[in-house]
Amino acid sequence: MTPNATGLALLRVVTGAIFTAHGCQKLFEFGFAGVTGYFTQVGAPLPGVSGPAVAILEFAGGVALVAGLFTRPLGLLFLLDMLGAIVLVRFAGGFFAPDGFEFELLLAGAAATLALAGGGAPSLDAVLAARRARER
C-alpha cells in the first residue's frame, strides 16, 4: 500500500469515526425531536426534514465512510453538512473553538479531500471497483 493510500485510509477512518459519533449523539441522545428542535432554533431550512436527515447521514454515512463505501459522494454530503454548520451555527462565534468554526472547517476540509481523492486502496470502494474491472 502506498503512503498516499495509507494517508487517505487514515483520513477516511478518523473522519468517519467522528461523524459516526456525532450521528450517534443526534440519534440516540437527542432523538429526532431534539435534533429537529435544535435545527429550528438555529434557522436551518426544513428542520423537520434536515435535522433527521443530518442525524442519519452522520451515523450511517460515518459507518460507511469507515468501511470506505461511497467515499466520494459521502465526502460531498459531509462537506455540505459542515458548511451548513459553519454558516448557520458557528460563524458568529469566530474562528476558535469552543464557539468558533475551526473544528467544522477541519471536517469540511477532510470531507472535501475524500470527495476529490476517494478513500484510498483499503476500502470497499476499491474492492468493488476491482471486481467491476475483472467482470469486464
N, C-alpha and C. Protein backbone atom coordinates (compact mmCIF):
# COMPACT_ATOMS: atom_id res chain seq x y z
N MET A 1 0.85 -1.17 0.00
CA MET A 1 0.00 0.00 0.00
C MET A 1 0.90 1.24 0.00
N THR A 2 0.57 2.19 -0.87
CA THR A 2 1.38 3.40 -0.98
C THR A 2 1.11 4.35 0.19
N PRO A 3 2.04 5.25 0.45
CA PRO A 3 1.80 6.24 1.51
C PRO A 3 0.54 7.07 1.27
N ASN A 4 0.26 7.41 0.00
CA ASN A 4 -0.96 8.17 -0.30
C ASN A 4 -2.21 7.38 0.05
N ALA A 5 -2.23 6.10 -0.30
CA ALA A 5 -3.38 5.26 0.01
C ALA A 5 -3.54 5.10 1.51
N THR A 6 -2.42 4.94 2.21
CA THR A 6 -2.47 4.81 3.66
C THR A 6 -2.99 6.09 4.30
N GLY A 7 -2.51 7.23 3.81
CA GLY A 7 -2.96 8.52 4.34
C GLY A 7 -4.43 8.76 4.11
N LEU A 8 -4.92 8.43 2.91
CA LEU A 8 -6.34 8.59 2.62
C LEU A 8 -7.18 7.65 3.48
N ALA A 9 -6.70 6.43 3.66
CA ALA A 9 -7.44 5.48 4.50
C ALA A 9 -7.51 5.97 5.94
N LEU A 10 -6.41 6.49 6.45
CA LEU A 10 -6.40 7.02 7.81
C LEU A 10 -7.35 8.21 7.94
N LEU A 11 -7.30 9.13 6.99
CA LEU A 11 -8.20 10.27 7.00
C LEU A 11 -9.66 9.81 6.94
N ARG A 12 -9.94 8.84 6.09
CA ARG A 12 -11.30 8.32 5.92
C ARG A 12 -11.82 7.69 7.21
N VAL A 13 -11.01 6.86 7.85
CA VAL A 13 -11.44 6.15 9.06
C VAL A 13 -11.66 7.13 10.21
N VAL A 14 -10.72 8.04 10.41
CA VAL A 14 -10.86 9.01 11.52
C VAL A 14 -12.05 9.93 11.28
N THR A 15 -12.19 10.43 10.07
CA THR A 15 -13.31 11.32 9.74
C THR A 15 -14.63 10.58 9.89
N GLY A 16 -14.68 9.35 9.40
CA GLY A 16 -15.90 8.55 9.54
C GLY A 16 -16.24 8.27 10.99
N ALA A 17 -15.25 8.01 11.82
CA ALA A 17 -15.49 7.75 13.24
C ALA A 17 -16.06 8.99 13.92
N ILE A 18 -15.54 10.16 13.59
CA ILE A 18 -16.05 11.40 14.18
C ILE A 18 -17.50 11.63 13.77
N PHE A 19 -17.79 11.48 12.49
CA PHE A 19 -19.18 11.66 12.04
C PHE A 19 -20.10 10.62 12.66
N THR A 20 -19.65 9.38 12.78
CA THR A 20 -20.47 8.34 13.40
C THR A 20 -20.79 8.71 14.84
N ALA A 21 -19.81 9.19 15.59
CA ALA A 21 -20.04 9.58 16.99
C ALA A 21 -21.05 10.71 17.09
N HIS A 22 -20.94 11.70 16.20
CA HIS A 22 -21.89 12.81 16.23
C HIS A 22 -23.28 12.35 15.79
N GLY A 23 -23.34 11.42 14.85
CA GLY A 23 -24.63 10.86 14.45
C GLY A 23 -25.27 10.06 15.57
N CYS A 24 -24.46 9.29 16.31
CA CYS A 24 -24.97 8.56 17.48
C CYS A 24 -25.57 9.52 18.49
N GLN A 25 -24.87 10.60 18.73
CA GLN A 25 -25.36 11.60 19.69
C GLN A 25 -26.71 12.15 19.23
N LYS A 26 -26.79 12.50 17.96
CA LYS A 26 -28.04 13.06 17.44
C LYS A 26 -29.17 12.04 17.48
N LEU A 27 -28.90 10.81 17.09
CA LEU A 27 -29.95 9.79 17.03
C LEU A 27 -30.35 9.26 18.40
N PHE A 28 -29.38 8.93 19.23
CA PHE A 28 -29.67 8.17 20.44
C PHE A 28 -29.69 9.00 21.72
N GLU A 29 -29.12 10.19 21.68
CA GLU A 29 -29.17 11.05 22.86
C GLU A 29 -30.25 12.13 22.69
N PHE A 30 -30.23 12.83 21.55
CA PHE A 30 -31.18 13.91 21.32
C PHE A 30 -32.48 13.41 20.70
N GLY A 31 -32.39 12.41 19.83
CA GLY A 31 -33.56 11.91 19.10
C GLY A 31 -33.97 12.87 18.00
N PHE A 32 -34.86 12.39 17.15
CA PHE A 32 -35.31 13.22 16.03
C PHE A 32 -35.98 14.50 16.53
N ALA A 33 -36.75 14.41 17.60
CA ALA A 33 -37.44 15.60 18.11
C ALA A 33 -36.43 16.64 18.60
N GLY A 34 -35.41 16.20 19.31
CA GLY A 34 -34.40 17.13 19.80
C GLY A 34 -33.60 17.76 18.68
N VAL A 35 -33.23 16.95 17.70
CA VAL A 35 -32.46 17.46 16.56
C VAL A 35 -33.32 18.44 15.76
N THR A 36 -34.57 18.09 15.55
CA THR A 36 -35.48 18.98 14.83
C THR A 36 -35.64 20.30 15.57
N GLY A 37 -35.80 20.24 16.89
CA GLY A 37 -35.91 21.45 17.69
C GLY A 37 -34.68 22.32 17.58
N TYR A 38 -33.51 21.71 17.63
CA TYR A 38 -32.27 22.48 17.51
C TYR A 38 -32.14 23.10 16.13
N PHE A 39 -32.44 22.32 15.09
CA PHE A 39 -32.36 22.85 13.73
C PHE A 39 -33.35 24.00 13.54
N THR A 40 -34.51 23.92 14.18
CA THR A 40 -35.48 25.00 14.14
C THR A 40 -34.90 26.24 14.81
N GLN A 41 -34.29 26.06 15.97
CA GLN A 41 -33.73 27.16 16.75
C GLN A 41 -32.63 27.91 15.98
N VAL A 42 -31.79 27.18 15.25
CA VAL A 42 -30.68 27.84 14.54
C VAL A 42 -31.08 28.33 13.15
N GLY A 43 -32.32 28.09 12.74
CA GLY A 43 -32.80 28.59 11.46
C GLY A 43 -32.46 27.74 10.26
N ALA A 44 -32.25 26.44 10.49
CA ALA A 44 -31.97 25.55 9.37
C ALA A 44 -33.23 25.41 8.51
N PRO A 45 -33.07 25.32 7.20
CA PRO A 45 -34.25 25.15 6.35
C PRO A 45 -34.88 23.77 6.55
N LEU A 46 -36.19 23.73 6.51
CA LEU A 46 -36.96 22.49 6.68
C LEU A 46 -36.42 21.64 7.83
N PRO A 47 -36.43 22.16 9.05
CA PRO A 47 -35.79 21.46 10.17
C PRO A 47 -36.37 20.09 10.46
N GLY A 48 -37.64 19.87 10.15
CA GLY A 48 -38.24 18.56 10.36
C GLY A 48 -37.71 17.50 9.42
N VAL A 49 -37.13 17.94 8.32
CA VAL A 49 -36.52 17.03 7.35
C VAL A 49 -35.00 17.06 7.48
N SER A 50 -34.44 18.28 7.51
CA SER A 50 -32.98 18.39 7.50
C SER A 50 -32.34 17.87 8.79
N GLY A 51 -32.99 18.07 9.93
CA GLY A 51 -32.43 17.59 11.19
C GLY A 51 -32.28 16.07 11.22
N PRO A 52 -33.39 15.33 11.03
CA PRO A 52 -33.26 13.87 10.98
C PRO A 52 -32.36 13.38 9.85
N ALA A 53 -32.40 14.06 8.69
CA ALA A 53 -31.55 13.64 7.57
C ALA A 53 -30.07 13.76 7.94
N VAL A 54 -29.69 14.85 8.60
CA VAL A 54 -28.30 15.02 9.02
C VAL A 54 -27.93 13.97 10.06
N ALA A 55 -28.83 13.69 10.99
CA ALA A 55 -28.55 12.67 12.01
C ALA A 55 -28.29 11.31 11.36
N ILE A 56 -29.12 10.93 10.41
CA ILE A 56 -28.96 9.65 9.70
C ILE A 56 -27.69 9.67 8.86
N LEU A 57 -27.46 10.79 8.14
CA LEU A 57 -26.24 10.91 7.33
C LEU A 57 -25.01 10.73 8.18
N GLU A 58 -24.95 11.43 9.31
CA GLU A 58 -23.75 11.37 10.13
C GLU A 58 -23.54 9.98 10.72
N PHE A 59 -24.61 9.32 11.12
CA PHE A 59 -24.45 7.98 11.69
C PHE A 59 -24.16 6.94 10.60
N ALA A 60 -25.11 6.75 9.69
CA ALA A 60 -24.95 5.70 8.67
C ALA A 60 -23.83 6.04 7.69
N GLY A 61 -23.74 7.31 7.31
CA GLY A 61 -22.68 7.74 6.40
C GLY A 61 -21.31 7.63 7.05
N GLY A 62 -21.24 7.91 8.34
CA GLY A 62 -19.97 7.76 9.06
C GLY A 62 -19.51 6.32 9.09
N VAL A 63 -20.45 5.40 9.34
CA VAL A 63 -20.12 3.97 9.34
C VAL A 63 -19.64 3.54 7.95
N ALA A 64 -20.37 3.98 6.92
CA ALA A 64 -19.97 3.64 5.54
C ALA A 64 -18.60 4.23 5.20
N LEU A 65 -18.34 5.43 5.68
CA LEU A 65 -17.05 6.06 5.41
C LEU A 65 -15.91 5.28 6.07
N VAL A 66 -16.10 4.81 7.28
CA VAL A 66 -15.08 3.99 7.94
C VAL A 66 -14.76 2.77 7.09
N ALA A 67 -15.80 2.17 6.51
CA ALA A 67 -15.61 0.98 5.67
C ALA A 67 -15.09 1.33 4.28
N GLY A 68 -15.18 2.60 3.92
CA GLY A 68 -14.74 3.01 2.59
C GLY A 68 -15.77 2.74 1.52
N LEU A 69 -17.03 2.86 1.87
CA LEU A 69 -18.13 2.63 0.93
C LEU A 69 -18.78 3.96 0.58
N PHE A 70 -18.90 4.26 -0.71
CA PHE A 70 -19.47 5.53 -1.19
C PHE A 70 -18.67 6.73 -0.70
N THR A 71 -17.35 6.61 -0.66
CA THR A 71 -16.49 7.64 -0.09
C THR A 71 -16.66 9.00 -0.77
N ARG A 72 -16.63 9.03 -2.07
CA ARG A 72 -16.71 10.32 -2.77
C ARG A 72 -18.06 11.01 -2.57
N PRO A 73 -19.19 10.34 -2.79
CA PRO A 73 -20.46 11.05 -2.56
C PRO A 73 -20.67 11.42 -1.09
N LEU A 74 -20.23 10.56 -0.18
CA LEU A 74 -20.35 10.91 1.23
C LEU A 74 -19.46 12.09 1.59
N GLY A 75 -18.28 12.16 0.99
CA GLY A 75 -17.41 13.31 1.21
C GLY A 75 -18.11 14.60 0.82
N LEU A 76 -18.80 14.59 -0.31
CA LEU A 76 -19.53 15.77 -0.75
C LEU A 76 -20.67 16.10 0.23
N LEU A 77 -21.42 15.10 0.64
CA LEU A 77 -22.52 15.34 1.58
C LEU A 77 -22.02 15.85 2.93
N PHE A 78 -20.91 15.29 3.42
CA PHE A 78 -20.35 15.77 4.68
C PHE A 78 -19.79 17.19 4.53
N LEU A 79 -19.24 17.52 3.38
CA LEU A 79 -18.78 18.88 3.13
C LEU A 79 -19.96 19.85 3.24
N LEU A 80 -21.07 19.52 2.61
CA LEU A 80 -22.26 20.37 2.68
C LEU A 80 -22.78 20.46 4.11
N ASP A 81 -22.77 19.35 4.83
CA ASP A 81 -23.18 19.30 6.23
C ASP A 81 -22.35 20.29 7.05
N MET A 82 -21.04 20.26 6.89
CA MET A 82 -20.17 21.13 7.68
C MET A 82 -20.27 22.59 7.24
N LEU A 83 -20.46 22.85 5.96
CA LEU A 83 -20.66 24.23 5.52
C LEU A 83 -21.93 24.80 6.13
N GLY A 84 -22.98 23.97 6.19
CA GLY A 84 -24.22 24.40 6.85
C GLY A 84 -24.01 24.68 8.32
N ALA A 85 -23.24 23.83 9.00
CA ALA A 85 -22.95 24.04 10.42
C ALA A 85 -22.17 25.34 10.63
N ILE A 86 -21.22 25.60 9.75
CA ILE A 86 -20.43 26.83 9.87
C ILE A 86 -21.32 28.06 9.67
N VAL A 87 -22.08 28.06 8.60
CA VAL A 87 -22.89 29.24 8.26
C VAL A 87 -24.01 29.46 9.28
N LEU A 88 -24.72 28.40 9.64
CA LEU A 88 -25.90 28.55 10.49
C LEU A 88 -25.59 28.65 11.98
N VAL A 89 -24.49 28.04 12.41
CA VAL A 89 -24.27 27.92 13.86
C VAL A 89 -22.97 28.55 14.31
N ARG A 90 -21.87 28.27 13.66
CA ARG A 90 -20.55 28.57 14.22
C ARG A 90 -19.90 29.87 13.78
N PHE A 91 -20.27 30.39 12.62
CA PHE A 91 -19.55 31.53 12.08
C PHE A 91 -19.56 32.73 13.02
N ALA A 92 -20.69 32.99 13.64
CA ALA A 92 -20.81 34.14 14.54
C ALA A 92 -19.90 34.02 15.75
N GLY A 93 -19.47 32.81 16.09
CA GLY A 93 -18.59 32.60 17.23
C GLY A 93 -17.12 32.83 16.94
N GLY A 94 -16.79 33.23 15.72
CA GLY A 94 -15.40 33.44 15.35
C GLY A 94 -14.73 32.16 14.92
N PHE A 95 -13.42 32.19 14.82
CA PHE A 95 -12.69 31.03 14.32
C PHE A 95 -12.45 29.95 15.38
N PHE A 96 -12.02 30.37 16.57
CA PHE A 96 -11.51 29.41 17.55
C PHE A 96 -12.61 28.72 18.35
N ALA A 97 -12.38 27.42 18.63
CA ALA A 97 -13.28 26.64 19.49
C ALA A 97 -13.21 27.21 20.90
N PRO A 98 -14.19 27.04 21.72
CA PRO A 98 -15.30 26.12 21.55
C PRO A 98 -16.49 26.69 20.78
N ASP A 99 -16.58 27.99 20.60
CA ASP A 99 -17.75 28.56 19.93
C ASP A 99 -17.53 28.81 18.44
N GLY A 100 -16.28 28.78 18.00
CA GLY A 100 -15.96 29.09 16.62
C GLY A 100 -16.08 27.89 15.70
N PHE A 101 -15.65 28.07 14.47
CA PHE A 101 -15.88 27.08 13.42
C PHE A 101 -14.65 26.28 13.02
N GLU A 102 -13.56 26.34 13.79
CA GLU A 102 -12.34 25.66 13.35
C GLU A 102 -12.51 24.15 13.21
N PHE A 103 -13.23 23.50 14.11
CA PHE A 103 -13.45 22.06 14.04
C PHE A 103 -14.27 21.70 12.80
N GLU A 104 -15.34 22.43 12.56
CA GLU A 104 -16.19 22.17 11.40
C GLU A 104 -15.43 22.43 10.09
N LEU A 105 -14.56 23.44 10.10
CA LEU A 105 -13.75 23.72 8.93
C LEU A 105 -12.77 22.58 8.65
N LEU A 106 -12.18 22.05 9.69
CA LEU A 106 -11.28 20.91 9.53
C LEU A 106 -12.03 19.70 8.96
N LEU A 107 -13.22 19.42 9.49
CA LEU A 107 -14.02 18.31 8.95
C LEU A 107 -14.45 18.58 7.52
N ALA A 108 -14.76 19.84 7.20
CA ALA A 108 -15.11 20.19 5.82
C ALA A 108 -13.93 19.94 4.90
N GLY A 109 -12.72 20.30 5.33
CA GLY A 109 -11.53 20.04 4.52
C GLY A 109 -11.27 18.56 4.33
N ALA A 110 -11.45 17.78 5.39
CA ALA A 110 -11.29 16.33 5.28
C ALA A 110 -12.32 15.75 4.33
N ALA A 111 -13.57 16.21 4.45
CA ALA A 111 -14.63 15.71 3.59
C ALA A 111 -14.37 16.07 2.13
N ALA A 112 -13.92 17.30 1.89
CA ALA A 112 -13.61 17.73 0.51
C ALA A 112 -12.48 16.89 -0.07
N THR A 113 -11.47 16.62 0.74
CA THR A 113 -10.36 15.78 0.29
C THR A 113 -10.84 14.39 -0.10
N LEU A 114 -11.70 13.80 0.72
CA LEU A 114 -12.22 12.47 0.41
C LEU A 114 -13.13 12.49 -0.82
N ALA A 115 -13.89 13.56 -0.99
CA ALA A 115 -14.75 13.68 -2.17
C ALA A 115 -13.91 13.75 -3.44
N LEU A 116 -12.78 14.44 -3.37
CA LEU A 116 -11.92 14.60 -4.54
C LEU A 116 -11.02 13.40 -4.80
N ALA A 117 -10.47 12.81 -3.74
CA ALA A 117 -9.44 11.78 -3.90
C ALA A 117 -9.93 10.36 -3.69
N GLY A 118 -11.07 10.19 -3.06
CA GLY A 118 -11.52 8.85 -2.72
C GLY A 118 -10.92 8.43 -1.39
N GLY A 119 -11.19 7.20 -1.02
CA GLY A 119 -10.84 6.74 0.32
C GLY A 119 -9.56 5.93 0.44
N GLY A 120 -8.81 5.79 -0.64
CA GLY A 120 -7.58 5.00 -0.56
C GLY A 120 -7.82 3.55 -0.95
N ALA A 121 -6.73 2.83 -1.12
CA ALA A 121 -6.81 1.45 -1.61
C ALA A 121 -7.54 0.50 -0.66
N PRO A 122 -7.30 0.55 0.64
CA PRO A 122 -8.00 -0.40 1.50
C PRO A 122 -9.40 0.10 1.83
N SER A 123 -10.32 -0.08 0.88
CA SER A 123 -11.70 0.38 1.07
C SER A 123 -12.63 -0.53 0.31
N LEU A 124 -13.89 -0.53 0.70
CA LEU A 124 -14.88 -1.30 -0.06
C LEU A 124 -15.06 -0.72 -1.45
N ASP A 125 -14.91 0.59 -1.59
CA ASP A 125 -14.97 1.20 -2.93
C ASP A 125 -13.92 0.57 -3.85
N ALA A 126 -12.70 0.40 -3.36
CA ALA A 126 -11.63 -0.19 -4.16
C ALA A 126 -11.91 -1.65 -4.48
N VAL A 127 -12.44 -2.38 -3.51
CA VAL A 127 -12.79 -3.79 -3.74
C VAL A 127 -13.86 -3.89 -4.83
N LEU A 128 -14.89 -3.06 -4.74
CA LEU A 128 -15.97 -3.09 -5.72
C LEU A 128 -15.47 -2.66 -7.10
N ALA A 129 -14.59 -1.67 -7.16
CA ALA A 129 -14.02 -1.23 -8.44
C ALA A 129 -13.19 -2.34 -9.07
N ALA A 130 -12.40 -3.04 -8.27
CA ALA A 130 -11.59 -4.15 -8.78
C ALA A 130 -12.48 -5.28 -9.30
N ARG A 131 -13.55 -5.54 -8.58
CA ARG A 131 -14.50 -6.59 -9.01
C ARG A 131 -15.15 -6.21 -10.33
N ARG A 132 -15.56 -4.94 -10.46
CA ARG A 132 -16.18 -4.48 -11.73
C ARG A 132 -15.18 -4.58 -12.87
N ALA A 133 -13.91 -4.25 -12.61
CA ALA A 133 -12.88 -4.31 -13.65
C ALA A 133 -12.65 -5.75 -14.11
N ARG A 134 -12.67 -6.70 -13.17
CA ARG A 134 -12.48 -8.12 -13.52
C ARG A 134 -13.65 -8.64 -14.34
N GLU A 135 -14.86 -8.12 -14.10
CA GLU A 135 -16.04 -8.61 -14.80
C GLU A 135 -16.13 -8.10 -16.23
N ARG A 136 -15.34 -7.12 -16.56
CA ARG A 136 -15.38 -6.55 -17.93
C ARG A 136 -14.62 -7.38 -18.89
